Amino acid sequence: MVDRAKLLLAELPLQAQPALCRILDANLDRAREGLRIVEEWCRFGLNSSELAAECKHLRQEIAKWHTPELRAFRDTLGDVGTELTHPQEESRANINQLLQANLCRVQEALRVLEEYGKLYLAEMGGAFKQMRYRAYVLETNLLGYQRQQKLLQSSLYLVTSASEHLFAIVEAALEGGLTLVQYRDKTANDDVRFEIADRLCKLCHHYEALFIVNDRVDLALAVDADGVHLGQQDMPIAIARQLLGPHRIIGRSTTSPEEMQRAIVEGADYIGVGPVYQTPTKAEKAATGLEYVRYAAQNAKLPWFAIGGIDPSNINEVLSAGAERVAVVRAIMQAEQPTLVTQYFISQLTRVQTIRNYRSHLPKSHD
């Protein structure tokens, strides 16, 4: 490989040869460094051996091209770019921003290696083109994995309703530990809905929370939401999945065991179970009561949220029936202190989950 590279280099103007090798060396370093940063989070933050392994394999393939001959052209002291910086590089607001910045760095470096590599070795361009595609897939899989992990960890789900203090209420709940928000508005014009959804999405992502859009797949895509929630009368899950892709979240409302089983078969990522109590949000639907919650606790094979009229006065009844996750609207949207109410809900949900996890690990009695 080295001999063939020397032959190609010899065909370039003499002054271009060191520049080409320095470009390749710098971008090989850049790609490997970015991948290592992502790999560390996949390994220690997500505990995903599969994602960590893909990062490692890519790094190792890139390293094969990083020959001593290329490193010999390195001139760090003479590199005018070492002093260049950007304010956004000085800090990272959250882990997602850190990952996104380094994934972009990797993809840009691979593109440079693909193009300049064609001048160094004929097969280098093709090799780095395939690695660039793998980096895109890695980014998609990583984002999808993080969404699913966040969904599994979320016990409280806020579904918004129209309010002149909408953003302040949602932010107060996020400050209380909320990690899952759905934007629901059946009456506003599309331009208004887009503006609100876009702002809510940015707010949720700032707090590393998931943002879901009710009903509207187009709106979810437009604001880069984490997913969509569909009612029984909305488009089929399969069509929504085609539009959203495999790594966004799709939820489905269910009011009966039959609807639950259908949502599971159709590939929903989570389901709503209710309305448990009569609620003005779903005034046209009769309450399913706690019996459906008990059924879900025994039969649901995916994350599910009890929903409908749940508030601090009845949350423990719902938890006693088997729920470990709840969705609320008025209990937070109309609360005088949304942060405290959010914290109360989460503390009750965490308490129940802790007790059930403890009991599940106790030795089974043989009496």
Protein backbone atom coordinates (compact mmCIF):
# COMPACT_ATOMS: atom_id res chain seq x y z
CA MET A 1 0.00 0.00 0.00
CA VAL A 2 2.82 2.39 0.89
CA ASP A 3 4.65 1.84 -2.42
CA ARG A 4 1.52 2.47 -4.48
CA ALA A 5 0.82 5.61 -2.43
CA LYS A 6 4.30 6.90 -3.18
CA LEU A 7 3.72 6.41 -6.90
CA LEU A 8 0.50 8.43 -6.78
CA LEU A 9 2.14 11.14 -4.68
CA ALA A 10 4.92 11.41 -7.23
CA GLU A 11 2.35 12.39 -9.85
CA LEU A 12 1.31 15.44 -7.80
CA PRO A 13 3.18 18.76 -7.92
CA LEU A 14 6.02 18.67 -5.38
CA GLN A 15 4.52 21.42 -3.22
CA ALA A 16 1.17 19.60 -3.01
CA GLN A 17 2.54 16.34 -1.64
CA PRO A 18 3.17 17.43 2.00
CA ALA A 19 -0.17 19.29 2.10
CA LEU A 20 -2.09 16.20 0.98
CA CYS A 21 -0.41 14.01 3.58
CA ARG A 22 -1.03 16.56 6.35
CA ILE A 23 -4.72 16.76 5.38
CA LEU A 24 -5.03 12.98 5.54
CA ASP A 25 -3.14 12.74 8.82
CA ALA A 26 -5.22 15.48 10.49
CA ASN A 27 -8.54 14.00 9.43
CA LEU A 28 -7.55 10.47 10.38
CA ASP A 29 -6.81 11.83 13.85
CA ARG A 30 -10.06 13.80 13.90
CA ALA A 31 -12.22 10.83 12.92
CA ARG A 32 -10.61 8.50 15.46
CA GLU A 33 -10.84 11.03 18.29
CA GLY A 34 -14.50 11.75 17.60
CA LEU A 35 -15.36 8.07 17.48
CA ARG A 36 -13.56 7.45 20.77
CA ILE A 37 -15.65 10.13 22.49
CA VAL A 38 -18.87 8.58 21.17
CA GLU A 39 -17.66 5.08 22.05
CA GLU A 40 -17.07 6.04 25.69
CA TRP A 41 -20.69 7.16 26.07
CA CYS A 42 -22.02 4.04 24.33
CA ARG A 43 -19.95 1.90 26.69
CA PHE A 44 -20.29 3.67 30.03
CA GLY A 45 -23.36 5.88 29.56
CA LEU A 46 -25.65 3.53 27.63
CA ASN A 47 -24.07 0.18 28.54
CA SER A 48 -24.53 -0.82 24.90
CA SER A 49 -21.91 -3.36 23.84
CA GLU A 50 -23.30 -3.34 20.28
CA LEU A 51 -22.95 0.41 19.75
CA ALA A 52 -19.57 0.52 21.51
CA ALA A 53 -18.34 -2.33 19.31
CA GLU A 54 -19.35 -0.53 16.11
CA CYS A 55 -17.45 2.58 17.23
CA LYS A 56 -14.41 0.45 18.03
CA HIS A 57 -14.53 -1.41 14.70
CA LEU A 58 -14.72 1.86 12.78
CA ARG A 59 -11.80 3.27 14.75
CA GLN A 60 -9.72 0.18 14.02
CA GLU A 61 -10.49 0.30 10.30
CA ILE A 62 -9.52 3.97 10.16
CA ALA A 63 -6.31 3.23 12.08
CA LYS A 64 -5.19 0.80 9.35
CA TRP A 65 -4.90 3.75 6.99
CA HIS A 66 -2.98 5.88 9.48
CA THR A 67 0.49 4.81 8.40
CA PRO A 68 3.83 6.06 9.78
CA GLU A 69 4.45 7.57 6.34
CA LEU A 70 1.46 9.89 6.76
CA ARG A 71 2.31 10.71 10.37
CA ALA A 72 5.80 11.73 9.27
CA PHE A 73 4.32 14.80 7.54
CA ARG A 74 2.65 16.09 10.71
CA ASP A 75 3.61 19.67 11.59
CA THR A 76 1.56 20.75 14.61
CA LEU A 77 3.64 23.87 15.32
CA GLY A 78 3.28 25.01 11.73
CA ASP A 79 -0.47 24.37 11.54
CA VAL A 80 -2.30 27.72 11.28
CA GLY A 81 -5.58 26.01 12.21
CA THR A 82 -4.59 25.20 15.79
CA GLU A 83 -5.53 28.73 16.88
CA LEU A 84 -8.94 28.67 15.19
CA THR A 85 -11.91 28.10 17.48
CA HIS A 86 -15.64 28.83 17.82
CA PRO A 87 -17.64 29.86 20.91
CA GLN A 88 -19.81 26.74 20.57
CA GLU A 89 -16.72 24.58 21.07
CA GLU A 90 -16.07 26.11 24.48
CA SER A 91 -18.96 24.34 26.23
CA ARG A 92 -21.57 21.60 25.82
CA ALA A 93 -25.08 22.09 27.18
CA ASN A 94 -25.86 18.37 27.50
CA ILE A 95 -24.75 14.91 26.45
CA ASN A 96 -26.78 14.99 23.23
CA GLN A 97 -25.02 18.16 22.11
CA LEU A 98 -21.65 16.56 22.89
CA LEU A 99 -22.51 13.43 20.91
CA GLN A 100 -23.93 15.39 17.98
CA ALA A 101 -20.85 17.60 17.74
CA ASN A 102 -18.50 14.64 17.68
CA LEU A 103 -20.60 12.62 15.24
CA CYS A 104 -20.58 15.61 12.88
CA ARG A 105 -16.80 15.85 13.33
CA VAL A 106 -16.42 12.19 12.40
CA GLN A 107 -18.65 12.45 9.34
CA GLU A 108 -16.91 15.58 8.06
CA ALA A 109 -13.48 14.01 8.54
CA LEU A 110 -14.55 10.86 6.70
CA ARG A 111 -15.79 12.97 3.78
CA VAL A 112 -12.43 14.76 3.60
CA LEU A 113 -10.62 11.42 3.70
CA GLU A 114 -12.90 10.08 0.96
CA GLU A 115 -12.16 12.97 -1.40
CA TYR A 116 -8.46 13.60 -0.72
CA GLY A 117 -7.84 9.88 -0.34
CA LYS A 118 -8.58 9.45 -4.04
CA LEU A 119 -5.36 11.37 -4.73
CA TYR A 120 -3.40 9.15 -2.35
CA LEU A 121 -4.68 5.65 -3.15
CA ALA A 122 -7.42 4.69 -5.58
CA GLU A 123 -9.17 2.37 -3.11
CA MET A 124 -8.99 4.85 -0.23
CA GLY A 125 -11.86 6.95 -1.53
CA GLY A 126 -14.19 3.97 -1.76
CA ALA A 127 -13.21 2.63 1.64
CA PHE A 128 -13.94 5.91 3.40
CA LYS A 129 -17.17 6.38 1.49
CA GLN A 130 -18.46 3.13 3.03
CA MET A 131 -17.19 4.17 6.46
CA ARG A 132 -19.04 7.48 6.13
CA TYR A 133 -22.30 5.65 5.47
CA ARG A 134 -21.63 3.48 8.51
CA ALA A 135 -21.13 6.64 10.58
CA TYR A 136 -24.56 7.88 9.46
CA VAL A 137 -26.13 4.57 10.49
CA LEU A 138 -24.29 4.73 13.81
CA GLU A 139 -25.72 8.19 14.46
CA THR A 140 -29.27 7.02 13.67
CA ASN A 141 -28.96 3.90 15.81
CA LEU A 142 -27.43 5.82 18.69
CA LEU A 143 -30.19 8.42 18.68
CA GLY A 144 -32.86 5.72 18.47
CA TYR A 145 -31.27 3.72 21.29
CA GLN A 146 -31.11 6.80 23.52
CA ARG A 147 -34.77 7.54 22.86
CA GLN A 148 -35.83 4.02 23.76
CA GLN A 149 -33.71 4.08 26.92
CA LYS A 150 -35.19 7.43 27.96
CA LEU A 151 -38.70 6.10 27.31
CA LEU A 152 -38.04 3.06 29.51
CA GLN A 153 -36.74 5.31 32.28
CA SER A 154 -39.66 7.76 32.12
CA SER A 155 -42.38 7.15 34.70
CA LEU A 156 -44.26 10.46 34.36
CA TYR A 157 -45.67 11.74 31.07
CA LEU A 158 -47.03 15.26 30.70
CA VAL A 159 -49.64 15.81 27.97
CA THR A 160 -50.07 19.54 27.47
CA SER A 161 -53.26 21.52 27.08
CA ALA A 162 -53.71 25.07 25.83
CA SER A 163 -52.45 27.66 28.32
CA GLU A 164 -51.17 31.20 28.14
CA HIS A 165 -48.37 30.04 30.47
CA LEU A 166 -47.61 26.86 28.50
CA PHE A 167 -43.84 27.25 28.25
CA ALA A 168 -43.41 28.32 31.87
CA ILE A 169 -45.47 25.35 33.10
CA VAL A 170 -43.59 22.83 30.95
CA GLU A 171 -40.23 24.23 32.00
CA ALA A 172 -41.24 24.13 35.66
CA ALA A 173 -42.17 20.46 35.26
CA LEU A 174 -38.88 19.74 33.48
CA GLU A 175 -37.05 21.36 36.37
CA GLY A 176 -38.93 18.96 38.64
CA GLY A 177 -37.46 15.96 36.80
CA LEU A 178 -40.00 15.37 34.00
CA THR A 179 -38.46 13.51 31.04
CA LEU A 180 -41.41 12.99 28.68
CA VAL A 181 -43.70 15.66 27.18
CA GLN A 182 -46.45 15.47 24.58
CA TYR A 183 -47.68 18.56 22.75
CA ARG A 184 -51.44 18.27 22.23
CA ASP A 185 -53.54 21.01 20.62
CA LYS A 186 -56.57 20.14 18.50
CA THR A 187 -57.71 23.67 17.61
CA ALA A 188 -54.77 25.99 16.83
CA ASN A 189 -53.81 26.87 13.26
CA ASP A 190 -50.88 24.99 11.78
CA ASP A 191 -48.53 27.99 11.80
CA VAL A 192 -49.20 28.50 15.51
CA ARG A 193 -48.82 24.79 16.23
CA PHE A 194 -45.49 24.69 14.41
CA GLU A 195 -44.14 27.67 16.34
CA ILE A 196 -45.23 26.21 19.69
CA ALA A 197 -44.04 22.68 18.89
CA ASP A 198 -40.67 23.92 17.69
CA ARG A 199 -40.12 25.93 20.85
CA LEU A 200 -41.30 23.10 23.11
CA CYS A 201 -39.05 20.62 21.31
CA LYS A 202 -35.99 22.80 21.87
CA LEU A 203 -36.98 23.31 25.50
CA CYS A 204 -37.39 19.58 26.14
CA HIS A 205 -34.12 18.71 24.43
CA HIS A 206 -32.33 21.35 26.50
CA TYR A 207 -33.44 19.39 29.59
CA GLU A 208 -32.64 16.06 27.86
CA ALA A 209 -36.33 15.12 27.86
CA LEU A 210 -38.28 13.39 25.07
CA PHE A 211 -40.71 15.46 23.03
CA ILE A 212 -43.73 13.80 21.40
CA VAL A 213 -46.33 15.38 19.09
CA ASN A 214 -49.97 14.32 19.31
CA ASP A 215 -51.52 12.98 16.08
CA ARG A 216 -49.45 14.95 13.57
CA VAL A 217 -46.61 12.99 11.97
CA ASP A 218 -45.84 15.91 9.63
CA LEU A 219 -45.46 18.30 12.55
CA ALA A 220 -43.28 15.82 14.45
CA LEU A 221 -40.93 15.59 11.45
CA ALA A 222 -40.94 19.35 10.90
CA VAL A 223 -39.69 20.15 14.40
CA ASP A 224 -37.47 17.05 14.76
CA ALA A 225 -39.56 15.63 17.60
CA ASP A 226 -38.69 12.30 19.18
CA GLY A 227 -41.94 10.75 18.05
CA VAL A 228 -45.69 10.91 17.72
CA HIS A 229 -48.71 9.74 19.72
CA LEU A 230 -51.61 8.31 17.73
CA GLY A 231 -55.23 7.83 18.73
CA GLN A 232 -57.39 4.95 17.56
CA GLN A 233 -58.78 7.05 14.72
CA ASP A 234 -55.39 8.28 13.50
CA MET A 235 -53.23 6.78 10.74
CA PRO A 236 -52.04 3.17 11.06
CA ILE A 237 -48.84 2.65 12.99
CA ALA A 238 -47.22 0.98 9.96
CA ILE A 239 -47.72 4.11 7.83
CA ALA A 240 -46.45 6.37 10.60
CA ARG A 241 -43.39 4.14 10.92
CA GLN A 242 -42.64 4.45 7.19
CA LEU A 243 -42.79 8.23 7.46
CA LEU A 244 -40.93 8.59 10.75
CA GLY A 245 -38.31 5.90 10.20
CA PRO A 246 -37.36 3.09 12.55
CA HIS A 247 -35.82 5.12 15.36
CA ARG A 248 -38.52 7.55 16.43
CA ILE A 249 -41.10 6.69 19.07
CA ILE A 250 -44.72 5.87 18.26
CA GLY A 251 -47.34 5.69 20.99
CA ARG A 252 -50.96 4.57 20.74
CA SER A 253 -53.99 5.29 22.92
CA THR A 254 -55.90 2.18 24.01
CA THR A 255 -59.14 1.73 25.94
CA SER A 256 -59.55 -2.04 25.95
CA PRO A 257 -57.56 -5.30 25.95
CA GLU A 258 -58.35 -5.73 22.25
CA GLU A 259 -56.93 -2.31 21.37
CA MET A 260 -53.89 -3.01 23.53
CA GLN A 261 -53.09 -6.29 21.81
CA ARG A 262 -53.57 -4.72 18.38
CA ALA A 263 -51.19 -1.86 19.24
CA ILE A 264 -48.57 -4.35 20.42
CA VAL A 265 -48.87 -6.43 17.25
CA GLU A 266 -48.71 -3.31 15.05
CA GLY A 267 -45.43 -2.22 16.63
CA ALA A 268 -46.22 0.62 19.03
CA ASP A 269 -43.32 1.62 21.28
CA TYR A 270 -45.64 2.43 24.18
CA ILE A 271 -49.36 2.65 24.87
CA GLY A 272 -51.73 4.80 26.88
CA VAL A 273 -54.13 2.85 29.13
CA GLY A 274 -57.37 4.66 29.96
CA PRO A 275 -59.07 6.94 30.58
CA VAL A 276 -58.87 5.51 34.08
CA TYR A 277 -61.22 8.18 35.46
CA GLN A 278 -63.68 10.39 33.65
CA THR A 279 -61.91 13.46 32.33
CA PRO A 280 -62.92 16.54 30.32
CA THR A 281 -59.91 15.95 28.08
CA LYS A 282 -61.68 12.82 26.77
CA ALA A 283 -65.26 13.73 27.63
CA GLU A 284 -66.65 11.51 24.87
CA LYS A 285 -65.02 8.36 26.29
CA ALA A 286 -66.30 6.41 29.25
CA ALA A 287 -63.81 5.73 32.00
CA THR A 288 -62.18 2.30 31.77
CA GLY A 289 -61.65 2.17 35.51
CA LEU A 290 -58.90 0.40 37.43
CA GLU A 291 -59.79 -3.00 35.96
CA TYR A 292 -58.09 -2.13 32.68
CA VAL A 293 -55.03 -0.95 34.62
CA ARG A 294 -54.90 -4.35 36.33
CA TYR A 295 -55.18 -6.07 32.96
CA ALA A 296 -52.33 -3.97 31.56
CA ALA A 297 -50.15 -4.77 34.58
CA GLN A 298 -50.54 -8.48 33.83
CA ASN A 299 -50.50 -8.47 30.03
CA ALA A 300 -48.76 -5.42 28.52
CA LYS A 301 -45.43 -6.40 26.91
CA LEU A 302 -44.20 -2.85 26.34
CA PRO A 303 -44.08 0.42 28.34
CA TRP A 304 -47.56 1.68 29.21
CA PHE A 305 -48.90 4.76 30.92
CA ALA A 306 -52.15 4.88 32.88
CA ILE A 307 -53.94 8.08 31.82
CA GLY A 308 -57.18 9.91 32.44
CA GLY A 309 -58.11 12.02 35.45
CA ILE A 310 -55.06 10.98 37.49
CA ASP A 311 -54.03 13.51 40.13
CA PRO A 312 -52.30 13.57 43.55
CA SER A 313 -55.51 12.49 45.28
CA ASN A 314 -55.89 9.21 43.36
CA ILE A 315 -52.38 8.37 42.15
CA ASN A 316 -51.92 5.73 44.85
CA GLU A 317 -55.10 3.92 43.78
CA VAL A 318 -53.70 3.69 40.27
CA LEU A 319 -50.33 2.49 41.53
CA SER A 320 -51.99 -0.10 43.76
CA ALA A 321 -53.77 -1.46 40.69
CA GLY A 322 -50.37 -2.18 39.10
CA ALA A 323 -49.35 0.97 37.24
CA GLU A 324 -45.71 2.08 37.31
CA ARG A 325 -46.06 4.89 34.79
CA VAL A 326 -48.76 7.56 34.53
CA ALA A 327 -49.64 10.35 32.11
CA VAL A 328 -51.31 13.52 33.36
CA VAL A 329 -52.75 16.70 31.92
CA ARG A 330 -54.64 18.95 34.34
CA ALA A 331 -52.75 17.74 37.42
CA ILE A 332 -49.68 19.64 36.19
CA MET A 333 -51.05 22.07 33.60
CA GLN A 334 -53.43 23.60 36.18
CA ALA A 335 -51.17 23.24 39.21
CA GLU A 336 -50.16 26.30 41.19
CA GLN A 337 -46.69 24.81 41.64
CA PRO A 338 -45.95 22.50 38.68
CA THR A 339 -42.43 21.69 39.87
CA LEU A 340 -43.58 20.44 43.26
CA VAL A 341 -46.45 18.43 41.78
CA THR A 342 -44.06 16.85 39.28
CA GLN A 343 -41.66 15.94 42.06
CA TYR A 344 -44.50 14.43 44.11
CA PHE A 345 -45.64 12.23 41.21
CA ILE A 346 -42.11 11.08 40.46
CA SER A 347 -41.42 10.32 44.13
CA GLN A 348 -44.55 8.15 44.36
CA LEU A 349 -43.75 6.34 41.13
CA THR A 350 -40.14 5.78 42.15
CA ARG A 351 -41.22 4.45 45.55
CA VAL A 352 -43.53 1.87 43.99
CA GLN A 353 -40.96 0.81 41.39
CA THR A 354 -38.31 0.38 44.10
CA ILE A 355 -40.61 -1.78 46.22
CA ARG A 356 -41.63 -3.95 43.28
CA ASN A 357 -38.05 -4.38 42.10
CA TYR A 358 -37.03 -5.39 45.62
CA ARG A 359 -39.84 -7.93 45.88
CA SER A 360 -39.07 -9.37 42.45
CA HIS A 361 -35.55 -10.24 43.65
CA LEU A 362 -36.64 -11.96 46.85
CA PRO A 363 -36.33 -15.77 46.89
CA LYS A 364 -39.63 -17.42 46.03
CA SER A 365 -41.32 -19.28 48.86
CA HIS A 366 -41.79 -23.05 48.42
CA ASP A 367 -44.54 -23.34 51.02
